[in-house]
N, C-alpha and C. Protein backbone atom coordinates (compact mmCIF):
# COMPACT_ATOMS: atom_id res chain seq x y z
N MET A 1 111.78 110.96 141.74
CA MET A 1 112.07 111.24 143.02
C MET A 1 112.88 109.99 143.62
N PRO A 2 113.90 110.31 144.31
CA PRO A 2 114.85 109.16 144.80
C PRO A 2 114.09 108.12 145.68
N LEU A 3 114.36 106.99 145.64
CA LEU A 3 113.66 105.88 146.30
C LEU A 3 113.78 106.29 147.83
N ALA A 4 115.13 106.75 148.31
CA ALA A 4 115.27 106.90 149.64
C ALA A 4 114.48 108.15 150.08
N GLY A 5 113.96 108.97 149.30
CA GLY A 5 113.15 110.24 149.72
C GLY A 5 111.95 109.64 150.26
N TRP A 6 111.27 108.60 149.71
CA TRP A 6 109.99 108.06 150.10
C TRP A 6 110.32 107.34 151.47
N ALA A 7 111.31 106.54 151.49
CA ALA A 7 111.71 105.72 152.55
C ALA A 7 111.86 106.61 153.91
N SER A 8 112.59 107.80 153.60
CA SER A 8 112.75 108.67 154.79
C SER A 8 111.67 109.30 155.38
N ARG A 9 110.76 109.51 154.47
CA ARG A 9 109.45 110.11 154.94
C ARG A 9 108.46 109.13 155.70
N VAL A 10 108.66 107.76 155.13
CA VAL A 10 107.82 106.76 155.68
C VAL A 10 108.38 106.52 157.19
N ALA A 11 109.80 106.64 157.32
CA ALA A 11 110.48 106.53 158.64
C ALA A 11 109.87 107.47 159.48
N ASN A 12 109.91 108.68 159.04
CA ASN A 12 109.65 109.96 159.77
C ASN A 12 108.11 109.81 160.33
N ARG A 13 107.24 109.27 159.39
CA ARG A 13 105.71 109.21 159.75
C ARG A 13 105.54 108.08 160.91
N ALA A 14 106.51 107.02 160.76
CA ALA A 14 106.42 105.86 161.70
C ALA A 14 106.85 106.48 163.19
N GLN A 15 107.70 107.36 163.22
CA GLN A 15 108.22 107.81 164.33
C GLN A 15 107.37 109.10 165.01
N GLY A 16 106.13 109.25 164.25
CA GLY A 16 105.49 110.23 164.65
C GLY A 16 105.86 111.80 164.31
N GLY A 17 106.78 111.78 163.36
CA GLY A 17 107.47 113.22 162.95
C GLY A 17 106.45 114.20 162.47
N ASP A 18 105.28 113.75 161.91
CA ASP A 18 104.61 114.87 161.14
C ASP A 18 102.92 114.41 161.86
N GLY A 19 102.96 113.70 162.89
CA GLY A 19 101.66 113.37 163.38
C GLY A 19 100.89 114.33 164.12
N GLU A 20 101.54 115.50 164.40
CA GLU A 20 100.74 116.50 165.21
C GLU A 20 100.12 117.47 164.27
N THR A 21 100.47 117.52 162.94
CA THR A 21 99.86 118.46 162.15
C THR A 21 98.36 118.22 161.86
N ASP A 22 97.58 119.36 161.76
CA ASP A 22 96.11 119.34 161.56
C ASP A 22 95.79 118.55 160.21
N VAL A 23 95.13 117.50 160.21
CA VAL A 23 94.76 116.87 158.95
C VAL A 23 94.01 117.85 158.11
N ALA A 24 92.99 118.66 158.67
CA ALA A 24 92.25 119.50 157.92
C ALA A 24 92.99 120.24 157.09
N LEU A 25 94.24 120.81 157.55
CA LEU A 25 95.25 121.75 156.72
C LEU A 25 96.00 121.04 155.60
N ARG A 26 96.27 119.59 155.93
CA ARG A 26 97.07 118.78 155.11
C ARG A 26 96.29 118.25 154.03
N GLY A 27 95.14 117.83 154.15
CA GLY A 27 94.35 117.13 153.33
C GLY A 27 93.67 115.62 153.99
N ALA A 28 92.74 115.29 153.56
CA ALA A 28 92.00 114.12 154.12
C ALA A 28 93.05 112.85 153.93
N LEU A 29 93.58 112.78 152.88
CA LEU A 29 94.37 111.59 152.39
C LEU A 29 95.89 111.80 152.68
N THR A 30 96.19 112.84 153.56
CA THR A 30 97.62 112.92 153.94
C THR A 30 98.20 111.56 154.72
N GLY A 31 99.24 111.13 154.35
CA GLY A 31 99.78 110.00 154.93
C GLY A 31 99.66 108.74 153.96
N VAL A 32 98.64 108.89 153.05
CA VAL A 32 98.32 107.75 152.08
C VAL A 32 99.31 107.82 150.85
N ARG A 33 99.88 106.77 150.66
CA ARG A 33 101.03 106.55 149.60
C ARG A 33 100.43 105.89 148.32
N VAL A 34 100.36 106.42 147.20
CA VAL A 34 99.89 106.09 145.91
C VAL A 34 100.97 105.69 144.89
N LEU A 35 101.03 104.52 144.41
CA LEU A 35 101.87 104.29 143.32
C LEU A 35 101.08 104.12 142.12
N ASP A 36 101.62 105.05 141.07
CA ASP A 36 100.80 105.09 139.91
C ASP A 36 101.51 104.67 138.70
N PHE A 37 101.06 103.64 138.12
CA PHE A 37 101.69 103.05 136.88
C PHE A 37 100.79 103.42 135.65
N SER A 38 99.76 104.04 135.77
CA SER A 38 98.95 104.47 134.64
C SER A 38 99.47 105.42 133.68
N ARG A 39 98.96 105.43 132.40
CA ARG A 39 99.55 106.33 131.33
C ARG A 39 98.55 107.08 130.68
N LEU A 40 97.44 106.78 130.15
CA LEU A 40 96.56 107.57 129.68
C LEU A 40 95.65 108.15 130.72
N ALA A 41 94.75 108.98 130.08
CA ALA A 41 93.83 109.82 130.97
C ALA A 41 93.25 109.40 132.31
N PRO A 42 92.52 108.24 132.20
CA PRO A 42 91.56 107.78 133.45
C PRO A 42 92.57 107.71 134.72
N GLY A 43 93.72 107.00 134.55
CA GLY A 43 94.47 106.60 135.70
C GLY A 43 95.00 107.97 136.29
N PRO A 44 95.85 108.77 135.49
CA PRO A 44 96.38 110.06 136.01
C PRO A 44 95.27 110.96 136.49
N MET A 45 94.03 110.96 136.08
CA MET A 45 92.93 111.70 136.44
C MET A 45 92.61 111.26 137.85
N ALA A 46 92.48 109.95 138.11
CA ALA A 46 92.18 109.48 139.39
C ALA A 46 93.36 109.88 140.37
N THR A 47 94.47 109.62 140.15
CA THR A 47 95.70 109.94 141.18
C THR A 47 95.93 111.41 141.31
N ALA A 48 95.58 112.24 140.30
CA ALA A 48 95.67 113.78 140.67
C ALA A 48 94.59 114.06 141.63
N ILE A 49 93.34 113.62 141.51
CA ILE A 49 92.44 113.79 142.63
C ILE A 49 92.92 113.47 144.00
N LEU A 50 93.51 112.20 143.96
CA LEU A 50 94.10 111.70 145.29
C LEU A 50 95.13 112.64 145.79
N ALA A 51 96.05 113.11 144.95
CA ALA A 51 97.05 114.03 145.30
C ALA A 51 96.42 115.30 145.78
N ASP A 52 95.39 115.80 145.10
CA ASP A 52 94.72 117.09 145.73
C ASP A 52 94.27 116.90 147.08
N LEU A 53 93.74 115.66 147.43
CA LEU A 53 93.23 115.35 148.65
C LEU A 53 94.34 115.16 149.84
N GLY A 54 95.76 115.30 149.29
CA GLY A 54 96.73 115.09 150.35
C GLY A 54 97.63 113.92 150.11
N ALA A 55 97.09 112.91 149.22
CA ALA A 55 97.85 111.76 149.14
C ALA A 55 99.25 111.89 148.49
N GLU A 56 100.29 111.21 148.73
CA GLU A 56 101.61 111.17 148.16
C GLU A 56 101.61 110.36 147.05
N VAL A 57 101.63 110.79 145.86
CA VAL A 57 101.55 110.03 144.67
C VAL A 57 102.80 110.01 143.99
N VAL A 58 103.42 108.79 143.54
CA VAL A 58 104.55 108.44 143.05
C VAL A 58 104.27 107.90 141.59
N LYS A 59 104.56 108.71 140.57
CA LYS A 59 104.11 108.28 139.09
C LYS A 59 105.36 107.56 138.57
N VAL A 60 105.16 106.22 138.18
CA VAL A 60 106.12 105.34 137.70
C VAL A 60 105.99 105.55 136.13
N GLU A 61 107.02 106.00 135.30
CA GLU A 61 106.86 106.09 134.02
C GLU A 61 108.04 105.40 133.34
N GLU A 62 107.92 105.38 132.12
CA GLU A 62 109.04 104.79 131.33
C GLU A 62 110.08 105.90 131.20
N PRO A 63 111.33 105.22 131.05
CA PRO A 63 112.61 106.29 130.90
C PRO A 63 112.39 107.06 129.53
N GLY A 64 112.52 108.31 129.58
CA GLY A 64 112.49 109.11 128.40
C GLY A 64 110.87 109.49 128.12
N GLY A 65 109.98 109.05 128.94
CA GLY A 65 108.53 109.30 128.80
C GLY A 65 107.84 108.38 128.13
N GLY A 66 108.52 107.27 127.48
CA GLY A 66 107.75 106.27 126.83
C GLY A 66 107.85 106.41 125.33
N ARG A 67 107.26 105.36 124.59
CA ARG A 67 107.36 105.07 123.13
C ARG A 67 106.75 106.30 122.48
N ARG A 68 105.50 106.80 122.86
CA ARG A 68 104.85 107.91 122.24
C ARG A 68 105.82 109.10 122.24
N ALA A 69 106.33 109.40 123.41
CA ALA A 69 107.16 110.65 123.64
C ALA A 69 108.32 110.48 122.60
N ARG A 70 109.02 109.32 122.56
CA ARG A 70 110.11 109.20 121.78
C ARG A 70 109.82 109.31 120.19
N GLU A 71 108.56 108.80 119.79
CA GLU A 71 108.30 108.95 118.48
C GLU A 71 107.99 110.43 118.13
N GLU A 72 107.22 111.23 118.96
CA GLU A 72 107.10 112.64 118.72
C GLU A 72 108.34 113.36 118.62
N ARG A 73 109.25 113.04 119.49
CA ARG A 73 110.56 113.92 119.48
C ARG A 73 111.36 113.53 118.06
N LYS A 74 111.24 112.19 117.67
CA LYS A 74 111.97 111.72 116.32
C LYS A 74 111.20 112.72 115.27
N LEU A 75 109.93 112.84 115.22
CA LEU A 75 109.30 113.51 114.22
C LEU A 75 109.67 114.95 114.27
N ARG A 76 109.99 115.47 115.25
CA ARG A 76 110.50 116.88 115.43
C ARG A 76 112.05 117.06 115.25
N GLY A 77 112.64 116.06 115.10
CA GLY A 77 113.98 115.92 114.68
C GLY A 77 114.90 116.17 116.02
N GLU A 78 114.32 115.84 117.24
CA GLU A 78 114.86 116.18 118.46
C GLU A 78 115.41 114.66 119.18
N PRO A 79 116.54 114.85 120.20
CA PRO A 79 116.89 113.61 120.69
C PRO A 79 115.78 112.80 121.34
N GLU A 80 115.77 111.55 120.97
CA GLU A 80 114.53 110.53 121.37
C GLU A 80 114.29 110.35 122.61
N ASN A 81 115.53 110.27 123.46
CA ASN A 81 115.41 109.66 124.87
C ASN A 81 115.63 110.89 125.84
N THR A 82 115.53 112.07 125.55
CA THR A 82 115.86 113.02 126.50
C THR A 82 114.57 114.20 126.44
N PHE A 83 114.15 114.53 127.63
CA PHE A 83 113.05 115.49 127.77
C PHE A 83 113.62 116.81 127.34
N THR A 84 112.78 117.52 126.49
CA THR A 84 113.04 118.77 125.99
C THR A 84 112.75 119.92 127.06
N PRO A 85 113.22 121.11 126.97
CA PRO A 85 112.79 122.16 127.93
C PRO A 85 111.22 122.32 127.71
N GLY A 86 110.64 122.25 126.44
CA GLY A 86 109.25 122.60 126.26
C GLY A 86 108.45 121.45 126.96
N GLU A 87 108.95 120.18 126.86
CA GLU A 87 108.06 119.13 127.38
C GLU A 87 108.06 119.19 128.96
N LEU A 88 109.18 119.42 129.53
CA LEU A 88 109.45 119.80 131.04
C LEU A 88 108.34 120.85 131.50
N GLU A 89 108.27 121.89 130.68
CA GLU A 89 107.47 123.07 131.06
C GLU A 89 106.10 122.66 130.90
N ARG A 90 105.59 121.90 129.97
CA ARG A 90 104.38 121.38 129.72
C ARG A 90 103.97 120.51 130.97
N ARG A 91 104.83 119.75 131.42
CA ARG A 91 104.63 118.66 132.46
C ARG A 91 104.22 119.46 133.81
N LYS A 92 104.91 120.59 133.86
CA LYS A 92 104.64 121.61 135.10
C LYS A 92 103.17 122.05 135.20
N GLN A 93 102.72 122.21 133.95
CA GLN A 93 101.34 122.87 133.77
C GLN A 93 100.30 121.81 133.61
N SER A 94 100.67 120.57 133.43
CA SER A 94 99.72 119.57 133.25
C SER A 94 98.80 119.32 134.29
N PRO A 95 97.43 119.46 134.16
CA PRO A 95 96.62 119.15 135.24
C PRO A 95 96.80 117.67 135.90
N PHE A 96 97.27 116.87 135.02
CA PHE A 96 97.46 115.43 135.52
C PHE A 96 98.76 115.25 136.22
N GLU A 97 99.64 116.12 136.15
CA GLU A 97 100.98 115.87 136.83
C GLU A 97 101.12 116.65 138.09
N ARG A 98 100.02 117.46 138.45
CA ARG A 98 100.00 118.32 139.68
C ARG A 98 100.24 117.42 140.92
N GLY A 99 101.00 117.98 141.85
CA GLY A 99 101.25 117.36 143.05
C GLY A 99 101.84 115.96 143.20
N LYS A 100 102.43 115.41 142.10
CA LYS A 100 102.99 114.27 142.12
C LYS A 100 104.45 114.09 142.06
N PHE A 101 105.11 113.21 142.53
CA PHE A 101 106.48 112.80 142.30
C PHE A 101 106.73 111.99 141.10
N SER A 102 107.73 111.74 140.67
CA SER A 102 107.86 110.91 139.42
C SER A 102 109.21 110.12 139.55
N ILE A 103 109.12 108.90 139.18
CA ILE A 103 110.39 108.04 139.02
C ILE A 103 110.43 107.34 137.78
N ALA A 104 111.47 107.20 136.90
CA ALA A 104 111.45 106.49 135.60
C ALA A 104 112.11 105.07 135.98
N LEU A 105 111.22 103.91 135.66
CA LEU A 105 111.75 102.72 135.76
C LEU A 105 111.41 101.79 134.36
N ASP A 106 112.37 100.97 134.10
CA ASP A 106 112.08 100.11 132.95
C ASP A 106 111.63 98.87 133.57
N LEU A 107 110.40 98.72 133.61
CA LEU A 107 109.59 97.56 134.00
C LEU A 107 109.91 96.13 133.48
N LYS A 108 110.43 96.26 132.31
CA LYS A 108 110.74 95.04 131.63
C LYS A 108 112.15 94.48 132.06
N GLN A 109 112.81 95.24 132.77
CA GLN A 109 114.21 94.73 133.10
C GLN A 109 113.98 94.35 134.76
N PRO A 110 114.75 93.45 135.06
CA PRO A 110 114.80 92.89 136.45
C PRO A 110 114.82 93.97 137.60
N GLU A 111 115.83 94.91 137.31
CA GLU A 111 116.08 95.82 138.34
C GLU A 111 114.92 96.86 138.34
N GLY A 112 114.24 97.15 137.32
CA GLY A 112 113.10 98.02 137.27
C GLY A 112 111.92 97.25 138.07
N ARG A 113 111.81 96.16 137.79
CA ARG A 113 110.83 95.31 138.63
C ARG A 113 111.05 95.35 140.11
N LYS A 114 112.30 95.08 140.29
CA LYS A 114 112.74 95.05 141.69
C LYS A 114 112.45 96.39 142.53
N LEU A 115 112.83 97.41 141.92
CA LEU A 115 112.63 98.76 142.56
C LEU A 115 111.09 99.01 142.70
N ALA A 116 110.27 98.65 141.72
CA ALA A 116 108.89 98.76 141.85
C ALA A 116 108.18 98.02 142.96
N LEU A 117 108.73 96.74 143.20
CA LEU A 117 108.32 96.06 144.39
C LEU A 117 108.73 96.77 145.52
N ARG A 118 109.89 97.29 145.68
CA ARG A 118 110.44 98.01 146.81
C ARG A 118 109.33 99.10 147.14
N LEU A 119 109.04 99.83 146.13
CA LEU A 119 108.22 100.98 146.24
C LEU A 119 106.84 100.58 146.84
N ALA A 120 106.27 99.39 146.24
CA ALA A 120 105.05 98.93 146.51
C ALA A 120 105.04 98.44 148.27
N GLU A 121 106.16 98.09 148.79
CA GLU A 121 106.22 97.56 150.20
C GLU A 121 105.58 98.72 150.95
N ASP A 122 105.78 99.83 150.64
CA ASP A 122 105.50 101.04 151.45
C ASP A 122 104.26 101.88 151.03
N ALA A 123 103.71 101.41 150.02
CA ALA A 123 102.56 101.99 149.32
C ALA A 123 101.24 101.57 150.00
N ASP A 124 100.33 102.36 149.90
CA ASP A 124 98.83 101.94 150.37
C ASP A 124 98.08 101.56 149.24
N VAL A 125 98.33 102.18 148.04
CA VAL A 125 97.41 102.03 146.82
C VAL A 125 98.27 101.95 145.57
N VAL A 126 97.94 100.99 144.78
CA VAL A 126 98.58 100.77 143.33
C VAL A 126 97.34 101.27 142.36
N VAL A 127 97.73 101.94 141.47
CA VAL A 127 96.97 102.19 140.20
C VAL A 127 97.60 101.92 138.77
N GLU A 128 96.90 101.06 138.09
CA GLU A 128 97.55 100.73 136.70
C GLU A 128 96.31 100.81 135.82
N GLY A 129 96.78 101.02 134.52
CA GLY A 129 95.73 101.13 133.40
C GLY A 129 95.99 100.15 132.26
N PHE A 130 96.84 99.10 132.46
CA PHE A 130 97.18 98.36 131.22
C PHE A 130 96.13 97.37 131.06
N ARG A 131 96.15 96.79 129.85
CA ARG A 131 95.16 95.73 129.56
C ARG A 131 95.35 94.45 130.47
N PRO A 132 94.33 93.77 130.66
CA PRO A 132 94.47 92.74 131.56
C PRO A 132 95.54 91.70 131.32
N GLY A 133 96.26 91.30 132.36
CA GLY A 133 97.31 90.48 132.11
C GLY A 133 98.78 91.05 131.97
N VAL A 134 98.76 92.31 131.45
CA VAL A 134 100.00 92.88 131.39
C VAL A 134 100.96 93.00 132.64
N MET A 135 100.39 93.55 133.79
CA MET A 135 101.14 93.61 134.94
C MET A 135 101.53 92.31 135.54
N ASP A 136 100.68 91.28 135.29
CA ASP A 136 101.13 89.89 135.63
C ASP A 136 102.24 89.47 134.93
N ARG A 137 102.28 89.76 133.76
CA ARG A 137 103.36 89.33 132.90
C ARG A 137 104.74 89.95 133.32
N LEU A 138 104.47 91.12 133.70
CA LEU A 138 105.81 92.02 134.29
C LEU A 138 106.06 91.39 135.63
N GLY A 139 105.40 90.59 136.31
CA GLY A 139 105.53 90.28 137.66
C GLY A 139 105.30 91.41 138.65
N LEU A 140 104.20 92.19 138.23
CA LEU A 140 103.76 93.22 139.09
C LEU A 140 102.20 93.22 139.22
N GLY A 141 101.71 92.01 139.10
CA GLY A 141 100.22 91.93 139.28
C GLY A 141 99.75 92.16 140.77
N TYR A 142 98.42 91.94 140.85
CA TYR A 142 98.15 91.96 142.33
C TYR A 142 98.88 91.12 143.32
N SER A 143 98.93 89.77 142.93
CA SER A 143 99.49 88.61 143.68
C SER A 143 100.88 88.98 143.96
N ASP A 144 101.69 89.58 142.97
CA ASP A 144 103.03 89.96 143.28
C ASP A 144 103.21 91.17 144.21
N MET A 145 102.33 92.11 144.14
CA MET A 145 102.31 93.23 145.08
C MET A 145 101.67 92.72 146.56
N ALA A 146 100.75 91.96 146.57
CA ALA A 146 100.36 91.45 147.86
C ALA A 146 101.23 90.72 148.48
N ALA A 147 102.23 89.98 147.79
CA ALA A 147 103.21 89.20 148.45
C ALA A 147 104.27 90.00 149.20
N VAL A 148 104.38 91.13 148.79
CA VAL A 148 105.36 92.12 149.58
C VAL A 148 104.53 93.00 150.60
N ASN A 149 103.30 93.27 150.12
CA ASN A 149 102.51 94.10 150.99
C ASN A 149 101.13 93.63 151.01
N PRO A 150 100.64 92.73 151.97
CA PRO A 150 99.39 92.21 152.10
C PRO A 150 98.31 93.22 152.20
N ARG A 151 98.56 94.41 152.51
CA ARG A 151 97.33 95.34 152.84
C ARG A 151 97.21 96.27 151.69
N ILE A 152 98.02 96.07 150.57
CA ILE A 152 97.87 96.82 149.34
C ILE A 152 96.37 96.91 148.74
N ILE A 153 95.99 98.07 148.27
CA ILE A 153 94.77 98.19 147.47
C ILE A 153 95.33 98.44 146.16
N TYR A 154 94.62 97.51 145.20
CA TYR A 154 95.20 97.58 143.91
C TYR A 154 93.99 97.93 142.92
N CYS A 155 94.13 98.87 142.25
CA CYS A 155 93.07 99.42 141.34
C CYS A 155 93.71 99.14 139.86
N ALA A 156 92.92 98.29 139.18
CA ALA A 156 93.36 98.12 137.72
C ALA A 156 92.18 98.63 136.73
N LEU A 157 92.57 99.61 136.08
CA LEU A 157 91.56 100.27 135.23
C LEU A 157 91.62 99.80 133.79
N THR A 158 90.58 99.25 133.31
CA THR A 158 90.56 98.81 131.91
C THR A 158 89.33 99.32 131.31
N GLY A 159 89.39 99.26 129.89
CA GLY A 159 88.22 99.86 129.16
C GLY A 159 87.07 98.89 129.31
N TYR A 160 87.16 97.61 129.24
CA TYR A 160 86.08 96.54 129.21
C TYR A 160 86.05 95.49 130.30
N GLY A 161 86.81 95.78 131.35
CA GLY A 161 86.87 94.85 132.62
C GLY A 161 88.02 93.92 132.55
N GLN A 162 88.20 93.23 133.56
CA GLN A 162 89.10 92.31 133.70
C GLN A 162 88.63 90.87 133.14
N THR A 163 87.38 90.64 132.87
CA THR A 163 86.74 89.33 132.48
C THR A 163 85.94 89.57 131.27
N GLY A 164 85.41 88.56 130.70
CA GLY A 164 84.30 88.82 129.57
C GLY A 164 85.02 88.85 128.27
N PRO A 165 84.05 88.80 127.22
CA PRO A 165 84.60 88.59 125.87
C PRO A 165 85.38 89.89 125.33
N ARG A 166 85.14 91.09 126.06
CA ARG A 166 85.76 92.21 125.49
C ARG A 166 86.96 92.62 126.22
N ARG A 167 87.50 91.89 127.18
CA ARG A 167 88.43 92.10 128.11
C ARG A 167 89.90 92.62 127.45
N ASP A 168 90.21 91.95 126.38
CA ASP A 168 91.40 92.38 125.60
C ASP A 168 91.20 93.32 124.61
N ARG A 169 90.08 93.98 124.49
CA ARG A 169 89.76 94.93 123.40
C ARG A 169 90.45 96.30 123.75
N VAL A 170 91.20 96.93 122.87
CA VAL A 170 91.67 98.22 123.03
C VAL A 170 90.63 99.22 122.85
N GLY A 171 90.49 100.23 123.83
CA GLY A 171 89.48 101.19 123.71
C GLY A 171 90.10 102.63 124.22
N HIS A 172 89.40 103.56 123.67
CA HIS A 172 89.71 105.08 124.12
C HIS A 172 88.36 105.70 124.33
N ASP A 173 88.39 106.91 124.83
CA ASP A 173 87.29 107.56 125.21
C ASP A 173 86.07 107.60 124.14
N LEU A 174 86.46 107.91 122.75
CA LEU A 174 85.25 107.80 121.86
C LEU A 174 84.60 106.40 121.70
N ASN A 175 85.35 105.33 121.93
CA ASN A 175 84.88 103.95 121.87
C ASN A 175 83.85 103.85 123.05
N TYR A 176 84.29 104.28 124.20
CA TYR A 176 83.39 103.98 125.41
C TYR A 176 82.16 104.88 125.29
N ILE A 177 82.32 106.14 124.91
CA ILE A 177 80.94 107.00 124.86
C ILE A 177 79.96 106.53 123.66
N ALA A 178 80.70 105.88 122.51
CA ALA A 178 79.91 105.39 121.54
C ALA A 178 78.99 104.06 122.03
N ASP A 179 79.77 103.27 122.66
CA ASP A 179 79.24 102.14 123.12
C ASP A 179 78.05 102.41 124.22
N ALA A 180 78.20 103.45 125.02
CA ALA A 180 77.22 103.83 125.96
C ALA A 180 76.07 104.52 125.29
N GLY A 181 76.28 104.96 124.19
CA GLY A 181 75.14 105.83 123.46
C GLY A 181 75.12 107.15 123.69
N ALA A 182 76.25 107.70 124.46
CA ALA A 182 76.45 109.04 124.83
C ALA A 182 76.88 109.90 123.52
N LEU A 183 77.56 109.26 122.49
CA LEU A 183 78.11 110.05 121.55
C LEU A 183 76.99 110.49 120.56
N SER A 184 75.80 109.77 120.61
CA SER A 184 74.77 110.25 119.81
C SER A 184 74.32 111.64 120.40
N LEU A 185 74.46 112.09 121.47
CA LEU A 185 74.08 113.30 121.99
C LEU A 185 74.87 114.52 121.32
N PHE A 186 75.93 114.17 120.76
CA PHE A 186 76.75 115.22 120.05
C PHE A 186 76.75 115.18 118.57
N ALA A 187 75.75 115.98 118.07
CA ALA A 187 75.60 116.23 116.72
C ALA A 187 75.05 117.42 116.45
N ASP A 188 75.29 117.94 115.13
CA ASP A 188 74.57 119.27 114.67
C ASP A 188 73.10 119.14 114.54
N ARG A 189 72.52 120.25 114.89
CA ARG A 189 70.99 120.38 115.00
C ARG A 189 70.36 119.58 113.62
N GLY A 190 69.43 118.72 113.89
CA GLY A 190 68.80 118.18 112.72
C GLY A 190 69.80 117.12 112.05
N SER A 191 70.79 116.67 112.51
CA SER A 191 71.76 115.66 111.82
C SER A 191 71.79 114.58 112.86
N ALA A 192 71.82 113.22 112.23
CA ALA A 192 72.09 112.09 113.19
C ALA A 192 73.45 111.68 113.21
N ARG A 193 74.34 112.54 112.59
CA ARG A 193 75.69 112.01 112.48
C ARG A 193 76.52 112.73 113.66
N PRO A 194 77.15 111.98 114.56
CA PRO A 194 77.68 112.48 115.70
C PRO A 194 79.03 113.21 115.32
N ILE A 195 79.44 114.21 116.16
CA ILE A 195 80.61 114.71 116.09
C ILE A 195 81.62 114.63 117.26
N ILE A 196 82.81 114.68 117.17
CA ILE A 196 83.78 114.38 118.21
C ILE A 196 83.78 115.50 119.29
N PRO A 197 83.35 115.07 120.44
CA PRO A 197 83.23 116.02 121.65
C PRO A 197 84.44 116.73 121.70
N PRO A 198 84.37 118.10 122.27
CA PRO A 198 85.63 118.94 122.45
C PRO A 198 86.54 118.40 123.56
N ASN A 199 85.99 117.47 124.34
CA ASN A 199 86.79 117.26 125.64
C ASN A 199 86.65 115.72 125.83
N LEU A 200 87.40 115.09 126.67
CA LEU A 200 87.10 113.62 126.91
C LEU A 200 86.08 113.61 128.16
N LEU A 201 85.26 112.49 127.96
CA LEU A 201 83.99 112.24 128.82
C LEU A 201 84.20 110.99 129.67
N ALA A 202 84.25 109.97 128.90
CA ALA A 202 84.34 108.62 129.62
C ALA A 202 85.73 108.52 130.47
N ASP A 203 86.80 109.05 129.98
CA ASP A 203 88.09 109.01 130.58
C ASP A 203 88.04 109.62 131.81
N TYR A 204 87.48 110.98 131.87
CA TYR A 204 87.52 111.81 133.21
C TYR A 204 86.55 111.11 134.07
N ALA A 205 85.42 110.82 133.61
CA ALA A 205 84.44 110.14 134.42
C ALA A 205 84.85 108.97 135.06
N GLY A 206 85.61 108.05 134.20
CA GLY A 206 86.05 106.74 134.90
C GLY A 206 87.14 106.91 135.77
N GLY A 207 88.01 107.95 135.55
CA GLY A 207 89.05 108.24 136.55
C GLY A 207 88.58 108.88 137.76
N SER A 208 87.55 109.76 137.70
CA SER A 208 86.88 110.33 138.94
C SER A 208 86.32 109.24 139.73
N LEU A 209 85.58 108.36 139.17
CA LEU A 209 84.90 107.30 139.74
C LEU A 209 85.87 106.38 140.61
N GLN A 210 87.09 106.03 139.99
CA GLN A 210 88.08 105.11 140.61
C GLN A 210 88.60 106.02 141.97
N ALA A 211 88.64 107.37 141.79
CA ALA A 211 89.20 108.09 142.88
C ALA A 211 88.04 108.05 144.03
N VAL A 212 86.93 108.00 143.78
CA VAL A 212 86.12 108.08 144.74
C VAL A 212 85.87 106.63 145.48
């Protein structure tokens, strides 16, 4: 989504351009702007719910879809930095991508950081799911965002919290449900050996909680 597109809609709202529309028809969060830096399931789950409720969600992603997408294309013998038609079609159908705008920024470059902060100036909410300290090192932590937008709500999703002995530990859905003891509920009858659940549990629950 072009940066000017968000700016023009912000200006239109400021002038009362869409202020007469019935909120019940538009969604309870219509007019709320969400900047989504998250990658894996919990963050996109949270922002998808916010988009369903009418929020304007801008997904900030790496150029070309990121390292994982590039590696998968390389394995398939496809150009590494270009979205394939199949990928674009899957993105349309993804429950995590519904109702969102998208912009590709290289946050490790000064221009990418500058554009991200420009978007933050007009956002109401920021969602990120990196390990503690990553956004601070990029110059996009809470203090950086608050400097350009003091009213920003900053949601940092991590597996084991921002502080404490596990703060830097990498985790995924299986780790979380195992730590919570929930994985023990998934086992063949008469067996104590757990099996991998058919879908994500902690990721969806965590994302839903942040949306609430």
